PDB file of N, CA and C in Angstrom:
ATOM      1  N   MET A   1      19.805  22.988   0.151  1.00  0.00           N
ATOM      2  CA  MET A   1      20.287  21.825  -0.575  1.00  0.00           C
ATOM      3  C   MET A   1      19.168  21.252  -1.432  1.00  0.00           C
ATOM      4  N   LEU A   2      19.452  21.009  -2.681  1.00  0.00           N
ATOM      5  CA  LEU A   2      18.436  20.461  -3.580  1.00  0.00           C
ATOM      6  C   LEU A   2      18.370  18.948  -3.436  1.00  0.00           C
ATOM      7  N   SER A   3      17.140  18.441  -3.462  1.00  0.00           N
ATOM      8  CA  SER A   3      17.024  16.979  -3.408  1.00  0.00           C
ATOM      9  C   SER A   3      17.016  16.442  -4.833  1.00  0.00           C
ATOM     10  N   ASN A   4      17.455  15.244  -4.972  1.00  0.00           N
ATOM     11  CA  ASN A   4      17.523  14.606  -6.278  1.00  0.00           C
ATOM     12  C   ASN A   4      16.109  14.306  -6.779  1.00  0.00           C
ATOM     13  N   PRO A   5      15.710  14.879  -7.917  1.00  0.00           N
ATOM     14  CA  PRO A   5      14.337  14.653  -8.400  1.00  0.00           C
ATOM     15  C   PRO A   5      14.093  13.191  -8.800  1.00  0.00           C
ATOM     16  N   PHE A   6      15.168  12.440  -9.015  1.00  0.00           N
ATOM     17  CA  PHE A   6      15.013  11.033  -9.411  1.00  0.00           C
ATOM     18  C   PHE A   6      14.907  10.108  -8.205  1.00  0.00           C
ATOM     19  N   GLU A   7      15.179  10.668  -7.046  1.00  0.00           N
ATOM     20  CA  GLU A   7      15.131   9.871  -5.832  1.00  0.00           C
ATOM     21  C   GLU A   7      13.746  10.014  -5.215  1.00  0.00           C
ATOM     22  N   LYS A   8      12.877   9.045  -5.492  1.00  0.00           N
ATOM     23  CA  LYS A   8      11.506   9.141  -5.006  1.00  0.00           C
ATOM     24  C   LYS A   8      11.477   8.852  -3.508  1.00  0.00           C
ATOM     25  N   LYS A   9      10.732   9.669  -2.805  1.00  0.00           N
ATOM     26  CA  LYS A   9      10.575   9.470  -1.363  1.00  0.00           C
ATOM     27  C   LYS A   9       9.328   8.608  -1.151  1.00  0.00           C
ATOM     28  N   TYR A  10       9.532   7.458  -0.520  1.00  0.00           N
ATOM     29  CA  TYR A  10       8.408   6.570  -0.251  1.00  0.00           C
ATOM     30  C   TYR A  10       7.909   6.775   1.170  1.00  0.00           C
ATOM     31  N   LYS A  11       6.664   6.435   1.363  1.00  0.00           N
ATOM     32  CA  LYS A  11       6.031   6.614   2.667  1.00  0.00           C
ATOM     33  C   LYS A  11       6.613   5.648   3.690  1.00  0.00           C
ATOM     34  N   LYS A  12       7.044   6.180   4.828  1.00  0.00           N
ATOM     35  CA  LYS A  12       7.677   5.362   5.869  1.00  0.00           C
ATOM     36  C   LYS A  12       6.775   5.189   7.090  1.00  0.00           C
ATOM     37  N   ARG A  13       5.730   6.022   7.196  1.00  0.00           N
ATOM     38  CA  ARG A  13       4.801   5.901   8.327  1.00  0.00           C
ATOM     39  C   ARG A  13       3.407   6.384   7.921  1.00  0.00           C
ATOM     40  N   PHE A  14       2.446   5.919   8.678  1.00  0.00           N
ATOM     41  CA  PHE A  14       1.051   6.221   8.402  1.00  0.00           C
ATOM     42  C   PHE A  14       0.389   6.686   9.686  1.00  0.00           C
ATOM     43  N   SER A  15      -0.476   7.694   9.567  1.00  0.00           N
ATOM     44  CA  SER A  15      -1.210   8.107  10.765  1.00  0.00           C
ATOM     45  C   SER A  15      -2.634   7.576  10.636  1.00  0.00           C
ATOM     46  N   VAL A  16      -3.120   6.998  11.717  1.00  0.00           N
ATOM     47  CA  VAL A  16      -4.469   6.444  11.741  1.00  0.00           C
ATOM     48  C   VAL A  16      -5.234   7.121  12.868  1.00  0.00           C
ATOM     49  N   LYS A  17      -6.515   7.278  12.651  1.00  0.00           N
ATOM     50  CA  LYS A  17      -7.345   7.946  13.636  1.00  0.00           C
ATOM     51  C   LYS A  17      -7.986   6.891  14.528  1.00  0.00           C
ATOM     52  N   ILE A  18      -7.838   7.060  15.830  1.00  0.00           N
ATOM     53  CA  ILE A  18      -8.479   6.169  16.790  1.00  0.00           C
ATOM     54  C   ILE A  18      -9.260   7.077  17.733  1.00  0.00           C
ATOM     55  N   GLY A  19     -10.564   7.161  17.517  1.00  0.00           N
ATOM     56  CA  GLY A  19     -11.381   8.101  18.289  1.00  0.00           C
ATOM     57  C   GLY A  19     -10.906   9.515  18.026  1.00  0.00           C
ATOM     58  N   GLN A  20     -10.538  10.222  19.085  1.00  0.00           N
ATOM     59  CA  GLN A  20     -10.047  11.595  18.948  1.00  0.00           C
ATOM     60  C   GLN A  20      -8.526  11.648  18.834  1.00  0.00           C
ATOM     61  N   HIS A  21      -7.885  10.494  18.785  1.00  0.00           N
ATOM     62  CA  HIS A  21      -6.425  10.441  18.779  1.00  0.00           C
ATOM     63  C   HIS A  21      -5.887  10.027  17.415  1.00  0.00           C
ATOM     64  N   LEU A  22      -4.669  10.457  17.153  1.00  0.00           N
ATOM     65  CA  LEU A  22      -3.960  10.008  15.961  1.00  0.00           C
ATOM     66  C   LEU A  22      -2.813   9.120  16.423  1.00  0.00           C
ATOM     67  N   LYS A  23      -2.671   7.993  15.771  1.00  0.00           N
ATOM     68  CA  LYS A  23      -1.573   7.087  16.097  1.00  0.00           C
ATOM     69  C   LYS A  23      -0.690   6.994  14.859  1.00  0.00           C
ATOM     70  N   VAL A  24       0.612   7.054  15.066  1.00  0.00           N
ATOM     71  CA  VAL A  24       1.546   6.941  13.948  1.00  0.00           C
ATOM     72  C   VAL A  24       2.080   5.513  13.905  1.00  0.00           C
ATOM     73  N   ILE A  25       1.938   4.883  12.748  1.00  0.00           N
ATOM     74  CA  ILE A  25       2.397   3.507  12.585  1.00  0.00           C
ATOM     75  C   ILE A  25       3.500   3.490  11.535  1.00  0.00           C
ATOM     76  N   SER A  26       4.642   2.958  11.930  1.00  0.00           N
ATOM     77  CA  SER A  26       5.783   2.878  11.026  1.00  0.00           C
ATOM     78  C   SER A  26       5.547   1.773   9.996  1.00  0.00           C
ATOM     79  N   ALA A  27       6.082   1.944   8.802  1.00  0.00           N
ATOM     80  CA  ALA A  27       5.946   0.930   7.744  1.00  0.00           C
ATOM     81  C   ALA A  27       6.520  -0.410   8.210  1.00  0.00           C
ATOM     82  N   ASP A  28       7.493  -0.382   9.131  1.00  0.00           N
ATOM     83  CA  ASP A  28       8.094  -1.615   9.660  1.00  0.00           C
ATOM     84  C   ASP A  28       7.126  -2.448  10.490  1.00  0.00           C
ATOM     85  N   GLU A  29       6.065  -1.808  10.998  1.00  0.00           N
ATOM     86  CA  GLU A  29       5.096  -2.503  11.849  1.00  0.00           C
ATOM     87  C   GLU A  29       3.967  -3.130  11.034  1.00  0.00           C
ATOM     88  N   ILE A  30       3.963  -2.883   9.726  1.00  0.00           N
ATOM     89  CA  ILE A  30       2.827  -3.292   8.888  1.00  0.00           C
ATOM     90  C   ILE A  30       3.036  -4.667   8.273  1.00  0.00           C
ATOM     91  N   GLU A  31       2.066  -5.540   8.503  1.00  0.00           N
ATOM     92  CA  GLU A  31       2.104  -6.896   7.967  1.00  0.00           C
ATOM     93  C   GLU A  31       1.446  -6.966   6.587  1.00  0.00           C
ATOM     94  N   CYS A  32       0.424  -6.140   6.366  1.00  0.00           N
ATOM     95  CA  CYS A  32      -0.188  -6.051   5.038  1.00  0.00           C
ATOM     96  C   CYS A  32      -1.186  -4.904   5.011  1.00  0.00           C
ATOM     97  N   PHE A  33      -1.592  -4.556   3.800  1.00  0.00           N
ATOM     98  CA  PHE A  33      -2.685  -3.624   3.571  1.00  0.00           C
ATOM     99  C   PHE A  33      -3.759  -4.418   2.858  1.00  0.00           C
ATOM    100  N   PHE A  34      -5.025  -4.172   3.194  1.00  0.00           N
ATOM    101  CA  PHE A  34      -6.083  -4.907   2.506  1.00  0.00           C
ATOM    102  C   PHE A  34      -7.336  -4.061   2.347  1.00  0.00           C
ATOM    103  N   ASN A  35      -8.156  -4.452   1.371  1.00  0.00           N
ATOM    104  CA  ASN A  35      -9.447  -3.820   1.121  1.00  0.00           C
ATOM    105  C   ASN A  35     -10.538  -4.675   1.725  1.00  0.00           C
ATOM    106  N   GLU A  36     -11.514  -4.017   2.336  1.00  0.00           N
ATOM    107  CA  GLU A  36     -12.675  -4.735   2.843  1.00  0.00           C
ATOM    108  C   GLU A  36     -13.832  -3.763   2.953  1.00  0.00           C
ATOM    109  N   ASN A  37     -14.982  -4.160   2.437  1.00  0.00           N
ATOM    110  CA  ASN A  37     -16.190  -3.317   2.500  1.00  0.00           C
ATOM    111  C   ASN A  37     -15.911  -1.870   2.097  1.00  0.00           C
ATOM    112  N   LYS A  38     -15.294  -1.674   0.965  1.00  0.00           N
ATOM    113  CA  LYS A  38     -14.971  -0.356   0.400  1.00  0.00           C
ATOM    114  C   LYS A  38     -14.013   0.469   1.263  1.00  0.00           C
ATOM    115  N   GLY A  39     -13.390  -0.152   2.269  1.00  0.00           N
ATOM    116  CA  GLY A  39     -12.407   0.556   3.093  1.00  0.00           C
ATOM    117  C   GLY A  39     -11.036  -0.056   2.881  1.00  0.00           C
ATOM    118  N   THR A  40      -9.987   0.725   3.141  1.00  0.00           N
ATOM    119  CA  THR A  40      -8.620   0.210   3.061  1.00  0.00           C
ATOM    120  C   THR A  40      -8.067   0.180   4.475  1.00  0.00           C
ATOM    121  N   TYR A  41      -7.460  -0.944   4.835  1.00  0.00           N
ATOM    122  CA  TYR A  41      -6.957  -1.138   6.188  1.00  0.00           C
ATOM    123  C   TYR A  41      -5.480  -1.486   6.158  1.00  0.00           C
ATOM    124  N   LEU A  42      -4.803  -1.152   7.244  1.00  0.00           N
ATOM    125  CA  LEU A  42      -3.462  -1.694   7.419  1.00  0.00           C
ATOM    126  C   LEU A  42      -3.553  -2.664   8.590  1.00  0.00           C
ATOM    127  N   HIS A  43      -2.845  -3.760   8.447  1.00  0.00           N
ATOM    128  CA  HIS A  43      -2.830  -4.809   9.475  1.00  0.00           C
ATOM    129  C   HIS A  43      -1.416  -4.854  10.028  1.00  0.00           C
ATOM    130  N   THR A  44      -1.288  -4.750  11.353  1.00  0.00           N
ATOM    131  CA  THR A  44       0.033  -4.702  11.965  1.00  0.00           C
ATOM    132  C   THR A  44       0.460  -6.075  12.473  1.00  0.00           C
ATOM    133  N   PHE A  45       1.749  -6.208  12.736  1.00  0.00           N
ATOM    134  CA  PHE A  45       2.294  -7.470  13.243  1.00  0.00           C
ATOM    135  C   PHE A  45       1.695  -7.850  14.598  1.00  0.00           C
ATOM    136  N   ASP A  46       1.165  -6.858  15.350  1.00  0.00           N
ATOM    137  CA  ASP A  46       0.527  -7.202  16.626  1.00  0.00           C
ATOM    138  C   ASP A  46      -0.960  -7.527  16.429  1.00  0.00           C
ATOM    139  N   ASN A  47      -1.318  -7.867  15.188  1.00  0.00           N
ATOM    140  CA  ASN A  47      -2.641  -8.386  14.834  1.00  0.00           C
ATOM    141  C   ASN A  47      -3.777  -7.382  15.029  1.00  0.00           C
ATOM    142  N   ARG A  48      -3.547  -6.126  14.666  1.00  0.00           N
ATOM    143  CA  ARG A  48      -4.591  -5.114  14.728  1.00  0.00           C
ATOM    144  C   ARG A  48      -4.840  -4.550  13.339  1.00  0.00           C
ATOM    145  N   ASN A  49      -6.090  -4.180  13.097  1.00  0.00           N
ATOM    146  CA  ASN A  49      -6.474  -3.561  11.832  1.00  0.00           C
ATOM    147  C   ASN A  49      -6.812  -2.096  12.077  1.00  0.00           C
ATOM    148  N   TYR A  50      -6.333  -1.229  11.186  1.00  0.00           N
ATOM    149  CA  TYR A  50      -6.625   0.192  11.264  1.00  0.00           C
ATOM    150  C   TYR A  50      -7.129   0.669   9.911  1.00  0.00           C
ATOM    151  N   LEU A  51      -8.248   1.385   9.936  1.00  0.00           N
ATOM    152  CA  LEU A  51      -8.784   1.971   8.714  1.00  0.00           C
ATOM    153  C   LEU A  51      -7.907   3.148   8.320  1.00  0.00           C
ATOM    154  N   ILE A  52      -7.506   3.208   7.054  1.00  0.00           N
ATOM    155  CA  ILE A  52      -6.702   4.346   6.595  1.00  0.00           C
ATOM    156  C   ILE A  52      -7.430   5.018   5.443  1.00  0.00           C
ATOM    157  N   GLU A  53      -7.200   6.304   5.290  1.00  0.00           N
ATOM    158  CA  GLU A  53      -7.930   7.065   4.281  1.00  0.00           C
ATOM    159  C   GLU A  53      -7.144   7.162   2.989  1.00  0.00           C
ATOM    160  N   THR A  54      -7.067   6.050   2.293  1.00  0.00           N
ATOM    161  CA  THR A  54      -6.402   6.002   1.002  1.00  0.00           C
ATOM    162  C   THR A  54      -6.913   4.767   0.270  1.00  0.00           C
ATOM    163  N   THR A  55      -6.377   4.505  -0.902  1.00  0.00           N
ATOM    164  CA  THR A  55      -6.757   3.302  -1.646  1.00  0.00           C
ATOM    165  C   THR A  55      -5.508   2.462  -1.883  1.00  0.00           C
ATOM    166  N   LEU A  56      -5.699   1.206  -2.231  1.00  0.00           N
ATOM    167  CA  LEU A  56      -4.539   0.362  -2.546  1.00  0.00           C
ATOM    168  C   LEU A  56      -3.808   0.901  -3.766  1.00  0.00           C
ATOM    169  N   GLU A  57      -4.546   1.498  -4.695  1.00  0.00           N
ATOM    170  CA  GLU A  57      -3.926   2.072  -5.903  1.00  0.00           C
ATOM    171  C   GLU A  57      -2.938   3.175  -5.518  1.00  0.00           C
ATOM    172  N   LEU A  58      -3.378   4.074  -4.627  1.00  0.00           N
ATOM    173  CA  LEU A  58      -2.480   5.151  -4.172  1.00  0.00           C
ATOM    174  C   LEU A  58      -1.330   4.588  -3.348  1.00  0.00           C
ATOM    175  N   LEU A  59      -1.624   3.627  -2.487  1.00  0.00           N
ATOM    176  CA  LEU A  59      -0.565   3.018  -1.669  1.00  0.00           C
ATOM    177  C   LEU A  59       0.522   2.402  -2.532  1.00  0.00           C
ATOM    178  N   GLU A  60       0.085   1.753  -3.611  1.00  0.00           N
ATOM    179  CA  GLU A  60       1.046   1.118  -4.524  1.00  0.00           C
ATOM    180  C   GLU A  60       2.094   2.116  -5.014  1.00  0.00           C
ATOM    181  N   GLN A  61       1.672   3.357  -5.227  1.00  0.00           N
ATOM    182  CA  GLN A  61       2.592   4.398  -5.692  1.00  0.00           C
ATOM    183  C   GLN A  61       3.405   4.996  -4.549  1.00  0.00           C
ATOM    184  N   GLU A  62       2.851   4.960  -3.320  1.00  0.00           N
ATOM    185  CA  GLU A  62       3.513   5.595  -2.177  1.00  0.00           C
ATOM    186  C   GLU A  62       4.506   4.684  -1.453  1.00  0.00           C
ATOM    187  N   LEU A  63       4.356   3.366  -1.659  1.00  0.00           N
ATOM    188  CA  LEU A  63       5.218   2.407  -0.958  1.00  0.00           C
ATOM    189  C   LEU A  63       6.415   2.021  -1.818  1.00  0.00           C
ATOM    190  N   ASP A  64       7.526   1.751  -1.165  1.00  0.00           N
ATOM    191  CA  ASP A  64       8.736   1.358  -1.886  1.00  0.00           C
ATOM    192  C   ASP A  64       8.533  -0.024  -2.511  1.00  0.00           C
ATOM    193  N   PRO A  65       8.617  -0.121  -3.849  1.00  0.00           N
ATOM    194  CA  PRO A  65       8.390  -1.406  -4.513  1.00  0.00           C
ATOM    195  C   PRO A  65       9.439  -2.468  -4.176  1.00  0.00           C
ATOM    196  N   LYS A  66      10.558  -2.058  -3.588  1.00  0.00           N
ATOM    197  CA  LYS A  66      11.535  -3.059  -3.137  1.00  0.00           C
ATOM    198  C   LYS A  66      11.002  -3.799  -1.914  1.00  0.00           C
ATOM    199  N   ASP A  67      10.167  -3.108  -1.117  1.00  0.00           N
ATOM    200  CA  ASP A  67       9.697  -3.673   0.146  1.00  0.00           C
ATOM    201  C   ASP A  67       8.256  -4.184   0.116  1.00  0.00           C
ATOM    202  N   PHE A  68       7.422  -3.610  -0.758  1.00  0.00           N
ATOM    203  CA  PHE A  68       6.002  -3.953  -0.786  1.00  0.00           C
ATOM    204  C   PHE A  68       5.574  -4.435  -2.163  1.00  0.00           C
ATOM    205  N   TYR A  69       4.659  -5.408  -2.175  1.00  0.00           N
ATOM    206  CA  TYR A  69       4.181  -5.962  -3.444  1.00  0.00           C
ATOM    207  C   TYR A  69       2.667  -6.164  -3.379  1.00  0.00           C
ATOM    208  N   ARG A  70       1.998  -5.786  -4.456  1.00  0.00           N
ATOM    209  CA  ARG A  70       0.552  -6.004  -4.511  1.00  0.00           C
ATOM    210  C   ARG A  70       0.297  -7.393  -5.074  1.00  0.00           C
ATOM    211  N   VAL A  71      -0.050  -8.335  -4.201  1.00  0.00           N
ATOM    212  CA  VAL A  71      -0.215  -9.727  -4.623  1.00  0.00           C
ATOM    213  C   VAL A  71      -1.553  -9.974  -5.298  1.00  0.00           C
ATOM    214  N   SER A  72      -2.547  -9.108  -4.997  1.00  0.00           N
ATOM    215  CA  SER A  72      -3.874  -9.296  -5.587  1.00  0.00           C
ATOM    216  C   SER A  72      -4.634  -7.981  -5.579  1.00  0.00           C
ATOM    217  N   ARG A  73      -5.862  -8.011  -6.084  1.00  0.00           N
ATOM    218  CA  ARG A  73      -6.686  -6.806  -6.084  1.00  0.00           C
ATOM    219  C   ARG A  73      -6.890  -6.284  -4.669  1.00  0.00           C
ATOM    220  N   LYS A  74      -6.893  -7.207  -3.690  1.00  0.00           N
ATOM    221  CA  LYS A  74      -7.251  -6.848  -2.322  1.00  0.00           C
ATOM    222  C   LYS A  74      -6.085  -6.675  -1.357  1.00  0.00           C
ATOM    223  N   LEU A  75      -4.865  -7.050  -1.751  1.00  0.00           N
ATOM    224  CA  LEU A  75      -3.780  -7.100  -0.766  1.00  0.00           C
ATOM    225  C   LEU A  75      -2.433  -6.593  -1.257  1.00  0.00           C
ATOM    226  N   ILE A  76      -1.744  -5.872  -0.375  1.00  0.00           N
ATOM    227  CA  ILE A  76      -0.345  -5.484  -0.582  1.00  0.00           C
ATOM    228  C   ILE A  76       0.421  -6.032   0.613  1.00  0.00           C
ATOM    229  N   VAL A  77       1.513  -6.747   0.350  1.00  0.00           N
ATOM    230  CA  VAL A  77       2.298  -7.313   1.453  1.00  0.00           C
ATOM    231  C   VAL A  77       3.742  -6.824   1.400  1.00  0.00           C
ATOM    232  N   PRO A  78       4.349  -6.639   2.584  1.00  0.00           N
ATOM    233  CA  PRO A  78       5.777  -6.313   2.613  1.00  0.00           C
ATOM    234  C   PRO A  78       6.585  -7.607   2.603  1.00  0.00           C
ATOM    235  N   LEU A  79       7.740  -7.566   1.988  1.00  0.00           N
ATOM    236  CA  LEU A  79       8.615  -8.731   1.909  1.00  0.00           C
ATOM    237  C   LEU A  79       8.914  -9.296   3.296  1.00  0.00           C
ATOM    238  N   LYS A  80       9.172  -8.405   4.259  1.00  0.00           N
ATOM    239  CA  LYS A  80       9.563  -8.865   5.590  1.00  0.00           C
ATOM    240  C   LYS A  80       8.461  -9.621   6.335  1.00  0.00           C
ATOM    241  N   ALA A  81       7.199  -9.530   5.863  1.00  0.00           N
ATOM    242  CA  ALA A  81       6.094 -10.211   6.550  1.00  0.00           C
ATOM    243  C   ALA A  81       5.868 -11.627   6.035  1.00  0.00           C
ATOM    244  N   ILE A  82       6.515 -11.979   4.929  1.00  0.00           N
ATOM    245  CA  ILE A  82       6.261 -13.288   4.336  1.00  0.00           C
ATOM    246  C   ILE A  82       6.979 -14.376   5.129  1.00  0.00           C
ATOM    247  N   LYS A  83       6.181 -15.244   5.774  1.00  0.00           N
ATOM    248  CA  LYS A  83       6.752 -16.345   6.560  1.00  0.00           C
ATOM    249  C   LYS A  83       7.047 -17.534   5.669  1.00  0.00           C
ATOM    250  N   GLU A  84       6.128 -17.773   4.729  1.00  0.00           N
ATOM    251  CA  GLU A  84       6.204 -18.980   3.924  1.00  0.00           C
ATOM    252  C   GLU A  84       5.453 -18.754   2.619  1.00  0.00           C
ATOM    253  N   ILE A  85       5.874 -19.449   1.576  1.00  0.00           N
ATOM    254  CA  ILE A  85       5.157 -19.403   0.297  1.00  0.00           C
ATOM    255  C   ILE A  85       4.884 -20.839  -0.109  1.00  0.00           C
ATOM    256  N   VAL A  86       3.620 -21.133  -0.398  1.00  0.00           N
ATOM    257  CA  VAL A  86       3.207 -22.491  -0.716  1.00  0.00           C
ATOM    258  C   VAL A  86       2.677 -22.528  -2.146  1.00  0.00           C
ATOM    259  N   VAL A  87       3.073 -23.558  -2.903  1.00  0.00           N
ATOM    260  CA  VAL A  87       2.541 -23.717  -4.251  1.00  0.00           C
ATOM    261  C   VAL A  87       1.065 -24.083  -4.107  1.00  0.00           C
ATOM    262  N   TYR A  88       0.226 -23.358  -4.830  1.00  0.00           N
ATOM    263  CA  TYR A  88      -1.222 -23.469  -4.690  1.00  0.00           C
ATOM    264  C   TYR A  88      -1.812 -23.939  -6.016  1.00  0.00           C
ATOM    265  N   SER A  89      -3.076 -24.298  -6.026  1.00  0.00           N
ATOM    266  CA  SER A  89      -3.701 -24.810  -7.255  1.00  0.00           C
ATOM    267  C   SER A  89      -3.674 -23.795  -8.403  1.00  0.00           C
ATOM    268  N   ASN A  90      -3.797 -24.299  -9.620  1.00  0.00           N
ATOM    269  CA  ASN A  90      -3.801 -23.456 -10.833  1.00  0.00           C
ATOM    270  C   ASN A  90      -2.565 -22.568 -10.977  1.00  0.00           C
ATOM    271  N   SER A  91      -1.387 -23.086 -10.661  1.00  0.00           N
ATOM    272  CA  SER A  91      -0.117 -22.352 -10.813  1.00  0.00           C
ATOM    273  C   SER A  91      -0.059 -21.057 -10.016  1.00  0.00           C
ATOM    274  N   ARG A  92      -0.824 -20.975  -8.945  1.00  0.00           N
ATOM    275  CA  ARG A  92      -0.780 -19.778  -8.106  1.00  0.00           C
ATOM    276  C   ARG A  92       0.080 -20.072  -6.871  1.00  0.00           C
ATOM    277  N   LEU A  93       0.337 -19.019  -6.093  1.00  0.00           N
ATOM    278  CA  LEU A  93       1.103 -19.182  -4.861  1.00  0.00           C
ATOM    279  C   LEU A  93       0.266 -18.674  -3.694  1.00  0.00           C
ATOM    280  N   LYS A  94       0.425 -19.342  -2.560  1.00  0.00           N
ATOM    281  CA  LYS A  94      -0.245 -18.905  -1.344  1.00  0.00           C
ATOM    282  C   LYS A  94       0.832 -18.373  -0.402  1.00  0.00           C
ATOM    283  N   VAL A  95       0.628 -17.159   0.092  1.00  0.00           N
ATOM    284  CA  VAL A  95       1.592 -16.516   0.976  1.00  0.00           C
ATOM    285  C   VAL A  95       1.084 -16.633   2.415  1.00  0.00           C
ATOM    286  N   ILE A  96       1.948 -17.102   3.302  1.00  0.00           N
ATOM    287  CA  ILE A  96       1.590 -17.225   4.712  1.00  0.00           C
ATOM    288  C   ILE A  96       2.192 -16.042   5.468  1.00  0.00           C
ATOM    289  N   LEU A  97       1.320 -15.283   6.142  1.00  0.00           N
ATOM    290  CA  LEU A  97       1.745 -14.135   6.937  1.00  0.00           C
ATOM    291  C   LEU A  97       1.657 -14.503   8.424  1.00  0.00           C
ATOM    292  N   PRO A  98       2.408 -13.815   9.288  1.00  0.00           N
ATOM    293  CA  PRO A  98       2.430 -14.171  10.715  1.00  0.00           C
ATOM    294  C   PRO A  98       1.066 -14.153  11.409  1.00  0.00           C
ATOM    295  N   SER A  99       0.284 -13.069  11.249  1.00  0.00           N
ATOM    296  CA  SER A  99      -0.970 -13.011  12.008  1.00  0.00           C
ATOM    297  C   SER A  99      -2.206 -12.715  11.170  1.00  0.00           C
ATOM    298  N   TYR A 100      -2.038 -12.263   9.939  1.00  0.00           N
ATOM    299  CA  TYR A 100      -3.210 -11.952   9.109  1.00  0.00           C
ATOM    300  C   TYR A 100      -3.858 -13.243   8.650  1.00  0.00           C
ATOM    301  N   LYS A 101      -5.056 -13.525   9.169  1.00  0.00           N
ATOM    302  CA  LYS A 101      -5.740 -14.774   8.818  1.00  0.00           C
ATOM    303  C   LYS A 101      -7.149 -14.518   8.305  1.00  0.00           C
ATOM    304  N   ASP A 102      -7.485 -13.252   8.008  1.00  0.00           N
ATOM    305  CA  ASP A 102      -8.846 -12.936   7.573  1.00  0.00           C
ATOM    306  C   ASP A 102      -9.221 -13.669   6.302  1.00  0.00           C
ATOM    307  N   GLU A 103      -8.275 -13.812   5.416  1.00  0.00           N
ATOM    308  CA  GLU A 103      -8.505 -14.579   4.193  1.00  0.00           C
ATOM    309  C   GLU A 103      -7.160 -15.056   3.662  1.00  0.00           C
ATOM    310  N   GLU A 104      -7.227 -16.033   2.754  1.00  0.00           N
ATOM    311  CA  GLU A 104      -5.984 -16.550   2.192  1.00  0.00           C
ATOM    312  C   GLU A 104      -5.331 -15.495   1.311  1.00  0.00           C
ATOM    313  N   VAL A 105      -4.017 -15.425   1.369  1.00  0.00           N
ATOM    314  CA  VAL A 105      -3.253 -14.479   0.550  1.00  0.00           C
ATOM    315  C   VAL A 105      -2.745 -15.255  -0.657  1.00  0.00           C
ATOM    316  N   ILE A 106      -3.419 -15.069  -1.785  1.00  0.00           N
ATOM    317  CA  ILE A 106      -3.104 -15.819  -2.998  1.00  0.00           C
ATOM    318  C   ILE A 106      -2.515 -14.882  -4.052  1.00  0.00           C
ATOM    319  N   VAL A 107      -1.370 -15.287  -4.604  1.00  0.00           N
ATOM    320  CA  VAL A 107      -0.766 -14.533  -5.704  1.00  0.00           C
ATOM    321  C   VAL A 107      -1.385 -15.077  -6.984  1.00  0.00           C
ATOM    322  N   SER A 108      -2.017 -14.195  -7.746  1.00  0.00           N
ATOM    323  CA  SER A 108      -2.696 -14.646  -8.957  1.00  0.00           C
ATOM    324  C   SER A 108      -1.701 -15.175  -9.988  1.00  0.00           C
ATOM    325  N   ARG A 109      -2.183 -16.048 -10.866  1.00  0.00           N
ATOM    326  CA  ARG A 109      -1.347 -16.691 -11.880  1.00  0.00           C
ATOM    327  C   ARG A 109      -0.551 -15.679 -12.695  1.00  0.00           C
ATOM    328  N   GLU A 110      -1.208 -14.579 -13.064  1.00  0.00           N
ATOM    329  CA  GLU A 110      -0.554 -13.565 -13.909  1.00  0.00           C
ATOM    330  C   GLU A 110       0.615 -12.905 -13.178  1.00  0.00           C
ATOM    331  N   LYS A 111       0.579 -12.887 -11.847  1.00  0.00           N
ATOM    332  CA  LYS A 111       1.604 -12.175 -11.084  1.00  0.00           C
ATOM    333  C   LYS A 111       2.705 -13.080 -10.550  1.00  0.00           C
ATOM    334  N   VAL A 112       2.562 -14.393 -10.701  1.00  0.00           N
ATOM    335  CA  VAL A 112       3.500 -15.328 -10.076  1.00  0.00           C
ATOM    336  C   VAL A 112       4.944 -15.094 -10.502  1.00  0.00           C
ATOM    337  N   SER A 113       5.221 -14.957 -11.798  1.00  0.00           N
ATOM    338  CA  SER A 113       6.633 -14.811 -12.200  1.00  0.00           C
ATOM    339  C   SER A 113       7.197 -13.454 -11.736  1.00  0.00           C
ATOM    340  N   ASP A 114       6.389 -12.408 -11.788  1.00  0.00           N
ATOM    341  CA  ASP A 114       6.798 -11.096 -11.308  1.00  0.00           C
ATOM    342  C   ASP A 114       7.060 -11.156  -9.787  1.00  0.00           C
ATOM    343  N   PHE A 115       6.177 -11.833  -9.081  1.00  0.00           N
ATOM    344  CA  PHE A 115       6.315 -11.979  -7.635  1.00  0.00           C
ATOM    345  C   PHE A 115       7.604 -12.745  -7.290  1.00  0.00           C
ATOM    346  N   LYS A 116       7.863 -13.816  -8.020  1.00  0.00           N
ATOM    347  CA  LYS A 116       9.070 -14.611  -7.774  1.00  0.00           C
ATOM    348  C   LYS A 116      10.331 -13.776  -7.998  1.00  0.00           C
ATOM    349  N   SER A 117      10.341 -12.959  -9.028  1.00  0.00           N
ATOM    350  CA  SER A 117      11.535 -12.139  -9.242  1.00  0.00           C
ATOM    351  C   SER A 117      11.627 -11.037  -8.178  1.00  0.00           C
ATOM    352  N   TRP A 118      10.466 -10.560  -7.670  1.00  0.00           N
ATOM    353  CA  TRP A 118      10.471  -9.557  -6.602  1.00  0.00           C
ATOM    354  C   TRP A 118      11.073 -10.131  -5.318  1.00  0.00           C
ATOM    355  N   ILE A 119      10.710 -11.363  -4.959  1.00  0.00           N
ATOM    356  CA  ILE A 119      11.237 -11.937  -3.724  1.00  0.00           C
ATOM    357  C   ILE A 119      12.702 -12.344  -3.859  1.00  0.00           C
ATOM    358  N   GLY A 120      13.178 -12.396  -5.105  1.00  0.00           N
ATOM    359  CA  GLY A 120      14.593 -12.680  -5.315  1.00  0.00           C
ATOM    360  C   GLY A 120      14.788 -14.115  -5.639  1.00  0.00           C
TER     361      GLY A 120
END
């Protein structure tokens, strides 16, 4: 059976290395992806960070744009993880996530209208 070439397959799970073990994490368990110290991490709803071997640029292409949005240079968030959105200074928005507290999640001014249409 031929698959539809127009139907892009998005990544639904990620494997992360923990010591000598590989752990598979479903996209549903991911609260956000972030960059830190030249590494890319995924942060899960159970408040754990895992180093993954990719970049946010590649992730942006691999994740379903209906479900994930790159709010800034450092962060990609899934729609389902957004608890609250607060109007922030300089016409920006601050996104509140359930457990990710490493830094504030700010939607840059240039992305605000695109972000608003993405959330519906």
